[in-house]
Amino acid sequence: MDLFERFITLWVVIDPIGTIPVFIAVTAGMAASERRSTALLATAVSIGVLLFFLIFGQILIDALGISLLSFQVAGGIVLFLFALTMIFGEPKAETDKRSVETDGEVAVLDGPSPAIFPLAVPSLASPGAMLAIVLLTDNTQFAIGDQLLTAVVMGGVLAVAYVFMLLADPIIRVIGISGAAIISRVMGMILASVAADAVLSSLLEIARTGSL
């Protein structure tokens, strides 16, 4: 597999362009500096996750007996659940906090950062991206040099994704928070459709082959 094929494969599974509406949706209530730090953290976490699968993914998947189709079904379900939060949830940052009552006092705890979920996983470091990395660095097919080249290409695609997320900032200034809320609902519907298609395609393939 040449460099161009690796780039196209990783571009499709990471999908930097498709991350833009998700980024806009989850950062609509943030200041510009918070959006930049969120984009940077999401990119860094994605690199870390995919590097983990590049180094240890083949060992882990072989040990657990997990198939690509199983990953696709799981990833589709996770994306569908997140799409529902985009459609029905509040578009503001307050949804990332939760309160608990302890000894008669209410404490507000920070929830998972949107940079971690859903931006890093499963938007950038999607199940498809994880499996693609494993396949492109198969120890039985690719030498160490080829695997390092794949890592460089992966980093390049994620760098492009980071730039695209930074460009979402002027988009927010133009459309405003209300516009971002509308986009969130529309993109949630699209994302739900994509997730459903991933699950159905995987299930049809399982039915056709008769195995995972």
C-alpha atoms as a PDB file:
ATOM      1  CA  MET A   1       0.000   0.000   0.000  1.00  0.00           C
ATOM      2  CA  ASP A   2       1.518   3.330  -1.080  1.00  0.00           C
ATOM      3  CA  LEU A   3       1.511   6.647   0.762  1.00  0.00           C
ATOM      4  CA  PHE A   4      -1.528   8.027  -1.096  1.00  0.00           C
ATOM      5  CA  GLU A   5      -3.642   4.966  -0.283  1.00  0.00           C
ATOM      6  CA  ARG A   6      -2.709   5.221   3.389  1.00  0.00           C
ATOM      7  CA  PHE A   7      -3.636   8.904   3.408  1.00  0.00           C
ATOM      8  CA  ILE A   8      -7.018   8.314   1.748  1.00  0.00           C
ATOM      9  CA  THR A   9      -7.837   5.430   4.090  1.00  0.00           C
ATOM     10  CA  LEU A  10      -7.029   7.423   7.219  1.00  0.00           C
ATOM     11  CA  TRP A  11      -8.730  10.559   5.881  1.00  0.00           C
ATOM     12  CA  VAL A  12     -11.978   8.641   5.357  1.00  0.00           C
ATOM     13  CA  VAL A  13     -12.029   6.888   8.747  1.00  0.00           C
ATOM     14  CA  ILE A  14     -10.906   9.939  10.776  1.00  0.00           C
ATOM     15  CA  ASP A  15     -13.067  12.318   8.701  1.00  0.00           C
ATOM     16  CA  PRO A  16     -11.713  15.781   9.659  1.00  0.00           C
ATOM     17  CA  ILE A  17     -14.498  17.571   7.779  1.00  0.00           C
ATOM     18  CA  GLY A  18     -17.210  15.558   9.506  1.00  0.00           C
ATOM     19  CA  THR A  19     -15.784  16.612  12.878  1.00  0.00           C
ATOM     20  CA  ILE A  20     -16.558  20.298  12.255  1.00  0.00           C
ATOM     21  CA  PRO A  21     -20.326  20.157  12.978  1.00  0.00           C
ATOM     22  CA  VAL A  22     -19.698  18.038  16.088  1.00  0.00           C
ATOM     23  CA  PHE A  23     -17.114  20.574  17.274  1.00  0.00           C
ATOM     24  CA  ILE A  24     -19.505  23.466  16.662  1.00  0.00           C
ATOM     25  CA  ALA A  25     -22.282  21.666  18.523  1.00  0.00           C
ATOM     26  CA  VAL A  26     -20.307  20.862  21.678  1.00  0.00           C
ATOM     27  CA  THR A  27     -18.426  24.168  21.934  1.00  0.00           C
ATOM     28  CA  ALA A  28     -21.270  26.578  21.112  1.00  0.00           C
ATOM     29  CA  GLY A  29     -21.393  27.939  24.677  1.00  0.00           C
ATOM     30  CA  MET A  30     -17.622  28.318  25.080  1.00  0.00           C
ATOM     31  CA  ALA A  31     -15.343  31.325  24.748  1.00  0.00           C
ATOM     32  CA  ALA A  32     -12.891  31.429  21.857  1.00  0.00           C
ATOM     33  CA  SER A  33      -9.957  30.448  24.071  1.00  0.00           C
ATOM     34  CA  GLU A  34     -11.896  27.458  25.433  1.00  0.00           C
ATOM     35  CA  ARG A  35     -12.725  26.301  21.922  1.00  0.00           C
ATOM     36  CA  ARG A  36      -9.057  26.457  20.933  1.00  0.00           C
ATOM     37  CA  SER A  37      -7.955  24.484  23.996  1.00  0.00           C
ATOM     38  CA  THR A  38     -10.751  21.967  23.398  1.00  0.00           C
ATOM     39  CA  ALA A  39      -9.598  21.470  19.799  1.00  0.00           C
ATOM     40  CA  LEU A  40      -5.991  21.004  20.917  1.00  0.00           C
ATOM     41  CA  LEU A  41      -6.894  18.533  23.672  1.00  0.00           C
ATOM     42  CA  ALA A  42      -9.187  16.544  21.356  1.00  0.00           C
ATOM     43  CA  THR A  43      -6.403  16.267  18.779  1.00  0.00           C
ATOM     44  CA  ALA A  44      -3.815  15.245  21.386  1.00  0.00           C
ATOM     45  CA  VAL A  45      -6.101  12.602  22.916  1.00  0.00           C
ATOM     46  CA  SER A  46      -6.947  11.250  19.458  1.00  0.00           C
ATOM     47  CA  ILE A  47      -3.267  10.905  18.633  1.00  0.00           C
ATOM     48  CA  GLY A  48      -2.683   9.106  21.922  1.00  0.00           C
ATOM     49  CA  VAL A  49      -5.585   6.688  21.405  1.00  0.00           C
ATOM     50  CA  LEU A  50      -4.631   5.853  17.818  1.00  0.00           C
ATOM     51  CA  LEU A  51      -0.957   5.472  18.724  1.00  0.00           C
ATOM     52  CA  PHE A  52      -2.002   3.018  21.422  1.00  0.00           C
ATOM     53  CA  PHE A  53      -3.860   0.948  18.819  1.00  0.00           C
ATOM     54  CA  LEU A  54      -0.937   1.275  16.428  1.00  0.00           C
ATOM     55  CA  ILE A  55       1.415  -0.244  19.012  1.00  0.00           C
ATOM     56  CA  PHE A  56      -0.818  -2.564  21.022  1.00  0.00           C
ATOM     57  CA  GLY A  57      -4.032  -2.853  18.995  1.00  0.00           C
ATOM     58  CA  GLN A  58      -3.178  -6.035  17.153  1.00  0.00           C
ATOM     59  CA  ILE A  59      -2.192  -7.787  20.373  1.00  0.00           C
ATOM     60  CA  LEU A  60      -5.338  -6.605  22.176  1.00  0.00           C
ATOM     61  CA  ILE A  61      -7.788  -7.488  19.410  1.00  0.00           C
ATOM     62  CA  ASP A  62      -6.235 -10.920  18.803  1.00  0.00           C
ATOM     63  CA  ALA A  63      -6.313 -11.640  22.531  1.00  0.00           C
ATOM     64  CA  LEU A  64      -9.979 -10.657  22.868  1.00  0.00           C
ATOM     65  CA  GLY A  65     -11.089 -12.134  19.549  1.00  0.00           C
ATOM     66  CA  ILE A  66     -12.779  -8.888  18.488  1.00  0.00           C
ATOM     67  CA  SER A  67     -13.694  -8.490  14.823  1.00  0.00           C
ATOM     68  CA  LEU A  68     -13.974  -5.396  12.639  1.00  0.00           C
ATOM     69  CA  LEU A  69     -17.731  -5.895  12.331  1.00  0.00           C
ATOM     70  CA  SER A  70     -18.118  -5.966  16.118  1.00  0.00           C
ATOM     71  CA  PHE A  71     -16.198  -2.683  16.363  1.00  0.00           C
ATOM     72  CA  GLN A  72     -18.399  -1.130  13.689  1.00  0.00           C
ATOM     73  CA  VAL A  73     -21.605  -2.151  15.459  1.00  0.00           C
ATOM     74  CA  ALA A  74     -20.343  -0.832  18.811  1.00  0.00           C
ATOM     75  CA  GLY A  75     -19.129   2.409  17.225  1.00  0.00           C
ATOM     76  CA  GLY A  76     -22.429   2.895  15.427  1.00  0.00           C
ATOM     77  CA  ILE A  77     -24.381   2.471  18.670  1.00  0.00           C
ATOM     78  CA  VAL A  78     -22.162   4.977  20.498  1.00  0.00           C
ATOM     79  CA  LEU A  79     -22.492   7.516  17.681  1.00  0.00           C
ATOM     80  CA  PHE A  80     -26.264   7.035  17.598  1.00  0.00           C
ATOM     81  CA  LEU A  81     -26.560   7.683  21.335  1.00  0.00           C
ATOM     82  CA  PHE A  82     -24.481  10.836  20.989  1.00  0.00           C
ATOM     83  CA  ALA A  83     -26.614  11.928  18.023  1.00  0.00           C
ATOM     84  CA  LEU A  84     -29.666  11.724  20.292  1.00  0.00           C
ATOM     85  CA  THR A  85     -28.008  14.114  22.749  1.00  0.00           C
ATOM     86  CA  MET A  86     -27.352  16.518  19.877  1.00  0.00           C
ATOM     87  CA  ILE A  87     -31.014  16.391  18.859  1.00  0.00           C
ATOM     88  CA  PHE A  88     -32.716  16.521  22.269  1.00  0.00           C
ATOM     89  CA  GLY A  89     -30.045  17.852  24.634  1.00  0.00           C
ATOM     90  CA  GLU A  90     -29.148  21.398  25.641  1.00  0.00           C
ATOM     91  CA  PRO A  91     -26.505  22.948  23.353  1.00  0.00           C
ATOM     92  CA  LYS A  92     -24.756  24.831  26.153  1.00  0.00           C
ATOM     93  CA  ALA A  93     -21.705  23.975  28.196  1.00  0.00           C
ATOM     94  CA  GLU A  94     -23.833  23.598  31.337  1.00  0.00           C
ATOM     95  CA  THR A  95     -24.786  20.126  30.156  1.00  0.00           C
ATOM     96  CA  ASP A  96     -21.197  19.088  30.864  1.00  0.00           C
ATOM     97  CA  LYS A  97     -21.777  19.519  34.624  1.00  0.00           C
ATOM     98  CA  ARG A  98     -23.728  17.456  37.106  1.00  0.00           C
ATOM     99  CA  SER A  99     -24.622  18.031  40.753  1.00  0.00           C
ATOM    100  CA  VAL A 100     -24.605  15.629  43.684  1.00  0.00           C
ATOM    101  CA  GLU A 101     -25.835  16.094  47.230  1.00  0.00           C
ATOM    102  CA  THR A 102     -23.409  15.204  50.012  1.00  0.00           C
ATOM    103  CA  ASP A 103     -24.224  15.759  53.690  1.00  0.00           C
ATOM    104  CA  GLY A 104     -26.951  18.220  52.797  1.00  0.00           C
ATOM    105  CA  GLU A 105     -24.719  20.236  50.466  1.00  0.00           C
ATOM    106  CA  VAL A 106     -24.932  20.315  46.698  1.00  0.00           C
ATOM    107  CA  ALA A 107     -21.648  20.012  44.862  1.00  0.00           C
ATOM    108  CA  VAL A 108     -21.217  20.640  41.160  1.00  0.00           C
ATOM    109  CA  LEU A 109     -18.870  18.217  39.469  1.00  0.00           C
ATOM    110  CA  ASP A 110     -17.311  18.635  36.078  1.00  0.00           C
ATOM    111  CA  GLY A 111     -18.532  16.023  33.606  1.00  0.00           C
ATOM    112  CA  PRO A 112     -16.483  14.478  30.840  1.00  0.00           C
ATOM    113  CA  SER A 113     -14.808  17.131  28.727  1.00  0.00           C
ATOM    114  CA  PRO A 114     -16.272  17.428  25.227  1.00  0.00           C
ATOM    115  CA  ALA A 115     -12.685  17.245  24.005  1.00  0.00           C
ATOM    116  CA  ILE A 116     -12.594  13.651  25.246  1.00  0.00           C
ATOM    117  CA  PHE A 117     -16.159  12.682  24.365  1.00  0.00           C
ATOM    118  CA  PRO A 118     -17.401  13.038  21.711  1.00  0.00           C
ATOM    119  CA  LEU A 119     -14.608  14.886  19.859  1.00  0.00           C
ATOM    120  CA  ALA A 120     -11.600  12.632  20.504  1.00  0.00           C
ATOM    121  CA  VAL A 121     -13.634   9.436  20.871  1.00  0.00           C
ATOM    122  CA  PRO A 122     -15.617   8.477  18.892  1.00  0.00           C
ATOM    123  CA  SER A 123     -15.503  11.372  16.384  1.00  0.00           C
ATOM    124  CA  LEU A 124     -11.784  11.497  15.504  1.00  0.00           C
ATOM    125  CA  ALA A 125     -10.500   8.259  17.003  1.00  0.00           C
ATOM    126  CA  SER A 126     -13.512   6.285  15.805  1.00  0.00           C
ATOM    127  CA  PRO A 127     -13.764   2.487  15.950  1.00  0.00           C
ATOM    128  CA  GLY A 128     -13.151   2.490  12.198  1.00  0.00           C
ATOM    129  CA  ALA A 129      -9.999   4.578  12.659  1.00  0.00           C
ATOM    130  CA  MET A 130      -8.755   2.258  15.405  1.00  0.00           C
ATOM    131  CA  LEU A 131      -9.257  -0.817  13.242  1.00  0.00           C
ATOM    132  CA  ALA A 132      -7.769   0.898  10.181  1.00  0.00           C
ATOM    133  CA  ILE A 133      -4.635   1.691  12.176  1.00  0.00           C
ATOM    134  CA  VAL A 134      -4.385  -1.940  13.258  1.00  0.00           C
ATOM    135  CA  LEU A 135      -4.806  -3.182   9.694  1.00  0.00           C
ATOM    136  CA  LEU A 136      -2.292  -0.679   8.278  1.00  0.00           C
ATOM    137  CA  THR A 137       0.336  -1.721  10.837  1.00  0.00           C
ATOM    138  CA  ASP A 138      -0.189  -5.484  10.732  1.00  0.00           C
ATOM    139  CA  ASN A 139       3.108  -6.986  11.901  1.00  0.00           C
ATOM    140  CA  THR A 140       2.791  -9.850   9.426  1.00  0.00           C
ATOM    141  CA  GLN A 141       2.478  -7.515   6.420  1.00  0.00           C
ATOM    142  CA  PHE A 142       4.283  -4.263   7.201  1.00  0.00           C
ATOM    143  CA  ALA A 143       7.838  -3.554   8.295  1.00  0.00           C
ATOM    144  CA  ILE A 144       8.682  -1.114  11.085  1.00  0.00           C
ATOM    145  CA  GLY A 145       9.463   1.619   8.543  1.00  0.00           C
ATOM    146  CA  ASP A 146       6.033   1.238   6.958  1.00  0.00           C
ATOM    147  CA  GLN A 147       4.361   1.377  10.363  1.00  0.00           C
ATOM    148  CA  LEU A 148       6.230   4.587  11.224  1.00  0.00           C
ATOM    149  CA  LEU A 149       5.096   6.055   7.897  1.00  0.00           C
ATOM    150  CA  THR A 150       1.506   5.211   8.784  1.00  0.00           C
ATOM    151  CA  ALA A 151       1.966   6.980  12.135  1.00  0.00           C
ATOM    152  CA  VAL A 152       3.236  10.099  10.341  1.00  0.00           C
ATOM    153  CA  VAL A 153       0.299  10.083   7.918  1.00  0.00           C
ATOM    154  CA  MET A 154      -2.104   9.632  10.823  1.00  0.00           C
ATOM    155  CA  GLY A 155      -0.566  12.623  12.586  1.00  0.00           C
ATOM    156  CA  GLY A 156      -0.892  14.697   9.419  1.00  0.00           C
ATOM    157  CA  VAL A 157      -4.607  13.908   9.058  1.00  0.00           C
ATOM    158  CA  LEU A 158      -5.251  14.779  12.703  1.00  0.00           C
ATOM    159  CA  ALA A 159      -3.309  18.026  12.271  1.00  0.00           C
ATOM    160  CA  VAL A 160      -5.670  18.928   9.430  1.00  0.00           C
ATOM    161  CA  ALA A 161      -8.615  18.087  11.697  1.00  0.00           C
ATOM    162  CA  TYR A 162      -7.190  20.455  14.313  1.00  0.00           C
ATOM    163  CA  VAL A 163      -6.946  23.274  11.758  1.00  0.00           C
ATOM    164  CA  PHE A 164     -10.528  22.644  10.650  1.00  0.00           C
ATOM    165  CA  MET A 165     -11.712  22.870  14.268  1.00  0.00           C
ATOM    166  CA  LEU A 166      -9.888  26.192  14.672  1.00  0.00           C
ATOM    167  CA  LEU A 167     -11.647  27.469  11.552  1.00  0.00           C
ATOM    168  CA  ALA A 168     -14.956  26.681  13.233  1.00  0.00           C
ATOM    169  CA  ASP A 169     -14.369  29.705  15.510  1.00  0.00           C
ATOM    170  CA  PRO A 170     -15.173  32.340  12.847  1.00  0.00           C
ATOM    171  CA  ILE A 171     -18.170  30.238  11.859  1.00  0.00           C
ATOM    172  CA  ILE A 172     -19.502  30.575  15.417  1.00  0.00           C
ATOM    173  CA  ARG A 173     -19.060  34.375  15.217  1.00  0.00           C
ATOM    174  CA  VAL A 174     -21.145  34.479  12.047  1.00  0.00           C
ATOM    175  CA  ILE A 175     -24.010  32.150  12.980  1.00  0.00           C
ATOM    176  CA  GLY A 176     -24.115  32.759  16.749  1.00  0.00           C
ATOM    177  CA  ILE A 177     -25.109  30.313  19.485  1.00  0.00           C
ATOM    178  CA  SER A 178     -28.689  30.050  18.218  1.00  0.00           C
ATOM    179  CA  GLY A 179     -27.454  29.137  14.780  1.00  0.00           C
ATOM    180  CA  ALA A 180     -25.108  26.566  16.287  1.00  0.00           C
ATOM    181  CA  ALA A 181     -28.046  25.070  18.203  1.00  0.00           C
ATOM    182  CA  ILE A 182     -29.969  24.676  14.944  1.00  0.00           C
ATOM    183  CA  ILE A 183     -26.938  23.124  13.257  1.00  0.00           C
ATOM    184  CA  SER A 184     -26.565  20.798  16.235  1.00  0.00           C
ATOM    185  CA  ARG A 185     -30.085  19.419  15.744  1.00  0.00           C
ATOM    186  CA  VAL A 186     -29.697  19.046  11.985  1.00  0.00           C
ATOM    187  CA  MET A 187     -26.285  17.438  12.244  1.00  0.00           C
ATOM    188  CA  GLY A 188     -27.600  15.196  15.001  1.00  0.00           C
ATOM    189  CA  MET A 189     -30.151  13.807  12.567  1.00  0.00           C
ATOM    190  CA  ILE A 190     -27.449  13.285   9.940  1.00  0.00           C
ATOM    191  CA  LEU A 191     -25.133  11.660  12.471  1.00  0.00           C
ATOM    192  CA  ALA A 192     -27.941   9.372  13.651  1.00  0.00           C
ATOM    193  CA  SER A 193     -28.505   8.289  10.053  1.00  0.00           C
ATOM    194  CA  VAL A 194     -24.794   7.608   9.552  1.00  0.00           C
ATOM    195  CA  ALA A 195     -24.665   5.612  12.792  1.00  0.00           C
ATOM    196  CA  ALA A 196     -27.743   3.583  11.867  1.00  0.00           C
ATOM    197  CA  ASP A 197     -26.251   2.869   8.444  1.00  0.00           C
ATOM    198  CA  ALA A 198     -23.005   1.643  10.041  1.00  0.00           C
ATOM    199  CA  VAL A 199     -24.880  -0.737  12.355  1.00  0.00           C
ATOM    200  CA  LEU A 200     -27.228  -2.025   9.642  1.00  0.00           C
ATOM    201  CA  SER A 201     -24.372  -2.527   7.159  1.00  0.00           C
ATOM    202  CA  SER A 202     -22.422  -4.507   9.735  1.00  0.00           C
ATOM    203  CA  LEU A 203     -25.434  -6.644  10.641  1.00  0.00           C
ATOM    204  CA  LEU A 204     -26.161  -7.356   6.978  1.00  0.00           C
ATOM    205  CA  GLU A 205     -22.527  -8.371   6.451  1.00  0.00           C
ATOM    206  CA  ILE A 206     -22.737 -10.659   9.485  1.00  0.00           C
ATOM    207  CA  ALA A 207     -25.917 -12.212   8.082  1.00  0.00           C
ATOM    208  CA  ARG A 208     -24.346 -12.628   4.644  1.00  0.00           C
ATOM    209  CA  THR A 209     -21.144 -14.257   5.862  1.00  0.00           C
ATOM    210  CA  GLY A 210     -22.737 -16.078   8.772  1.00  0.00           C
ATOM    211  CA  SER A 211     -19.961 -15.113  11.163  1.00  0.00           C
ATOM    212  CA  LEU A 212     -18.299 -12.221  12.919  1.00  0.00           C
END
